[in-house]
């Protein structure tokens, strides 16, 4: 009895190689987009948390001292808020001591 040997054509081999490569590239692209989205969401969440904690500290200062803090340094020193100045730009503007300050937190692009 003779054995049959499967001998695929070069076109079938090329097709299989191209399908494998395209699948690998597709998986790589999907993982890359997922990681980028996770980093972006994390940065937005950190920005929101910093803004909320600054606003809470300003309101707490108003409740304790009877006026809103005149500067961002006062919030950092008195309430122990740490700001990563390399990662965020914080704009703190006070109109009057009895009006809430305008607090803007902007993430620095990397």
C-alpha atoms as a PDB file:
ATOM      1  CA  UNK A   1       0.000   0.000   0.000  1.00  0.00           C
ATOM      2  CA  UNK A   2       1.333   3.385  -0.922  1.00  0.00           C
ATOM      3  CA  UNK A   3       1.210   6.338   1.418  1.00  0.00           C
ATOM      4  CA  UNK A   4      -0.041   9.598   0.183  1.00  0.00           C
ATOM      5  CA  UNK A   5       2.036  12.641   1.096  1.00  0.00           C
ATOM      6  CA  UNK A   6       0.221  15.907   1.431  1.00  0.00           C
ATOM      7  CA  UNK A   7       2.113  18.508  -0.512  1.00  0.00           C
ATOM      8  CA  UNK A   8       0.303  21.875  -0.320  1.00  0.00           C
ATOM      9  CA  UNK A   9       0.778  24.409  -3.012  1.00  0.00           C
ATOM     10  CA  UNK A  10       2.907  27.506  -2.314  1.00  0.00           C
ATOM     11  CA  UNK A  11      -0.217  29.676  -2.583  1.00  0.00           C
ATOM     12  CA  UNK A  12      -1.884  27.848   0.298  1.00  0.00           C
ATOM     13  CA  UNK A  13       1.227  28.257   2.442  1.00  0.00           C
ATOM     14  CA  UNK A  14       1.382  31.962   1.600  1.00  0.00           C
ATOM     15  CA  UNK A  15      -2.313  32.345   2.456  1.00  0.00           C
ATOM     16  CA  UNK A  16      -1.831  30.662   5.841  1.00  0.00           C
ATOM     17  CA  UNK A  17       1.183  32.846   6.656  1.00  0.00           C
ATOM     18  CA  UNK A  18      -0.652  36.039   5.681  1.00  0.00           C
ATOM     19  CA  UNK A  19      -3.718  35.062   7.733  1.00  0.00           C
ATOM     20  CA  UNK A  20      -1.550  34.401  10.781  1.00  0.00           C
ATOM     21  CA  UNK A  21       0.312  37.696  10.401  1.00  0.00           C
ATOM     22  CA  UNK A  22      -2.884  39.703   9.907  1.00  0.00           C
ATOM     23  CA  UNK A  23      -4.434  38.085  12.989  1.00  0.00           C
ATOM     24  CA  UNK A  24      -1.316  38.926  15.046  1.00  0.00           C
ATOM     25  CA  UNK A  25      -1.327  42.532  13.836  1.00  0.00           C
ATOM     26  CA  UNK A  26      -5.038  42.870  14.590  1.00  0.00           C
ATOM     27  CA  UNK A  27      -4.524  41.592  18.159  1.00  0.00           C
ATOM     28  CA  UNK A  28      -1.575  43.982  18.657  1.00  0.00           C
ATOM     29  CA  UNK A  29      -3.604  46.981  17.456  1.00  0.00           C
ATOM     30  CA  UNK A  30      -6.546  46.101  19.717  1.00  0.00           C
ATOM     31  CA  UNK A  31      -4.285  45.736  22.774  1.00  0.00           C
ATOM     32  CA  UNK A  32      -2.546  49.037  21.977  1.00  0.00           C
ATOM     33  CA  UNK A  33      -5.855  50.892  21.755  1.00  0.00           C
ATOM     34  CA  UNK A  34      -7.009  49.293  25.000  1.00  0.00           C
ATOM     35  CA  UNK A  35      -3.875  50.364  26.864  1.00  0.00           C
ATOM     36  CA  UNK A  36      -4.104  53.914  25.478  1.00  0.00           C
ATOM     37  CA  UNK A  37      -7.735  54.170  26.563  1.00  0.00           C
ATOM     38  CA  UNK A  38      -6.898  52.899  30.053  1.00  0.00           C
ATOM     39  CA  UNK A  39      -4.109  55.486  30.426  1.00  0.00           C
ATOM     40  CA  UNK A  40      -6.416  58.269  29.210  1.00  0.00           C
ATOM     41  CA  UNK A  41      -9.197  57.247  31.611  1.00  0.00           C
ATOM     42  CA  UNK A  42      -6.733  57.059  34.501  1.00  0.00           C
ATOM     43  CA  UNK A  43      -5.433  60.564  33.755  1.00  0.00           C
ATOM     44  CA  UNK A  44      -8.959  61.986  33.571  1.00  0.00           C
ATOM     45  CA  UNK A  45      -9.865  60.320  36.865  1.00  0.00           C
ATOM     46  CA  UNK A  46      -6.749  61.690  38.576  1.00  0.00           C
ATOM     47  CA  UNK A  47      -7.605  65.165  37.252  1.00  0.00           C
ATOM     48  CA  UNK A  48     -11.157  64.914  38.605  1.00  0.00           C
ATOM     49  CA  UNK A  49      -9.993  63.651  41.997  1.00  0.00           C
ATOM     50  CA  UNK A  50      -7.492  66.517  42.346  1.00  0.00           C
ATOM     51  CA  UNK A  51     -10.111  69.129  41.380  1.00  0.00           C
ATOM     52  CA  UNK A  52     -12.670  67.679  43.814  1.00  0.00           C
ATOM     53  CA  UNK A  53     -10.180  67.522  46.677  1.00  0.00           C
ATOM     54  CA  UNK A  54      -9.122  71.138  46.087  1.00  0.00           C
ATOM     55  CA  UNK A  55     -12.755  72.267  46.111  1.00  0.00           C
ATOM     56  CA  UNK A  56     -13.494  70.294  49.290  1.00  0.00           C
ATOM     57  CA  UNK A  57     -10.430  71.756  50.986  1.00  0.00           C
ATOM     58  CA  UNK A  58     -11.485  75.295  49.994  1.00  0.00           C
ATOM     59  CA  UNK A  59     -14.992  74.759  51.391  1.00  0.00           C
ATOM     60  CA  UNK A  60     -13.562  73.238  54.571  1.00  0.00           C
ATOM     61  CA  UNK A  61     -11.263  76.231  54.933  1.00  0.00           C
ATOM     62  CA  UNK A  62     -14.251  78.543  54.542  1.00  0.00           C
ATOM     63  CA  UNK A  63     -16.150  76.621  57.215  1.00  0.00           C
ATOM     64  CA  UNK A  64     -13.228  76.734  59.653  1.00  0.00           C
ATOM     65  CA  UNK A  65     -11.708  80.169  58.982  1.00  0.00           C
ATOM     66  CA  UNK A  66     -14.730  82.060  57.650  1.00  0.00           C
ATOM     67  CA  UNK A  67     -13.046  82.861  54.332  1.00  0.00           C
ATOM     68  CA  UNK A  68     -11.789  81.022  51.299  1.00  0.00           C
ATOM     69  CA  UNK A  69      -8.010  80.546  51.055  1.00  0.00           C
ATOM     70  CA  UNK A  70      -6.188  83.335  49.273  1.00  0.00           C
ATOM     71  CA  UNK A  71      -3.742  81.024  47.530  1.00  0.00           C
ATOM     72  CA  UNK A  72      -3.180  77.481  46.409  1.00  0.00           C
ATOM     73  CA  UNK A  73      -0.134  77.250  48.691  1.00  0.00           C
ATOM     74  CA  UNK A  74      -2.406  77.724  51.708  1.00  0.00           C
ATOM     75  CA  UNK A  75      -4.441  74.678  50.666  1.00  0.00           C
ATOM     76  CA  UNK A  76      -1.314  72.621  50.088  1.00  0.00           C
ATOM     77  CA  UNK A  77       0.269  73.540  53.411  1.00  0.00           C
ATOM     78  CA  UNK A  78      -2.798  73.538  55.661  1.00  0.00           C
ATOM     79  CA  UNK A  79      -4.774  70.594  54.272  1.00  0.00           C
ATOM     80  CA  UNK A  80      -1.888  68.427  53.073  1.00  0.00           C
ATOM     81  CA  UNK A  81      -2.952  68.309  49.457  1.00  0.00           C
ATOM     82  CA  UNK A  82      -0.078  67.263  47.242  1.00  0.00           C
ATOM     83  CA  UNK A  83      -0.132  68.352  43.621  1.00  0.00           C
ATOM     84  CA  UNK A  84       2.107  66.780  41.008  1.00  0.00           C
ATOM     85  CA  UNK A  85       3.079  69.989  39.234  1.00  0.00           C
ATOM     86  CA  UNK A  86       4.837  68.057  36.462  1.00  0.00           C
ATOM     87  CA  UNK A  87       1.607  66.239  35.652  1.00  0.00           C
ATOM     88  CA  UNK A  88      -1.032  68.930  36.297  1.00  0.00           C
ATOM     89  CA  UNK A  89      -1.389  72.671  35.904  1.00  0.00           C
ATOM     90  CA  UNK A  90      -3.677  74.158  38.545  1.00  0.00           C
ATOM     91  CA  UNK A  91      -5.259  77.583  38.138  1.00  0.00           C
ATOM     92  CA  UNK A  92      -6.608  78.933  41.423  1.00  0.00           C
ATOM     93  CA  UNK A  93      -8.327  82.311  41.223  1.00  0.00           C
ATOM     94  CA  UNK A  94      -9.992  84.104  44.144  1.00  0.00           C
ATOM     95  CA  UNK A  95     -12.414  86.946  43.448  1.00  0.00           C
ATOM     96  CA  UNK A  96     -13.295  87.748  47.052  1.00  0.00           C
ATOM     97  CA  UNK A  97     -12.799  86.069  50.405  1.00  0.00           C
ATOM     98  CA  UNK A  98     -16.509  85.243  50.668  1.00  0.00           C
ATOM     99  CA  UNK A  99     -16.896  83.824  47.120  1.00  0.00           C
ATOM    100  CA  UNK A 100     -15.768  80.331  46.157  1.00  0.00           C
ATOM    101  CA  UNK A 101     -12.528  80.280  44.158  1.00  0.00           C
ATOM    102  CA  UNK A 102     -12.326  79.272  40.528  1.00  0.00           C
ATOM    103  CA  UNK A 103     -10.298  76.068  40.354  1.00  0.00           C
ATOM    104  CA  UNK A 104      -9.139  74.655  37.016  1.00  0.00           C
ATOM    105  CA  UNK A 105      -7.037  71.499  36.793  1.00  0.00           C
ATOM    106  CA  UNK A 106      -5.462  70.679  33.441  1.00  0.00           C
ATOM    107  CA  UNK A 107      -3.398  67.589  32.709  1.00  0.00           C
ATOM    108  CA  UNK A 108      -0.077  68.298  31.016  1.00  0.00           C
ATOM    109  CA  UNK A 109       0.252  66.250  27.831  1.00  0.00           C
ATOM    110  CA  UNK A 110       3.220  63.906  27.795  1.00  0.00           C
END
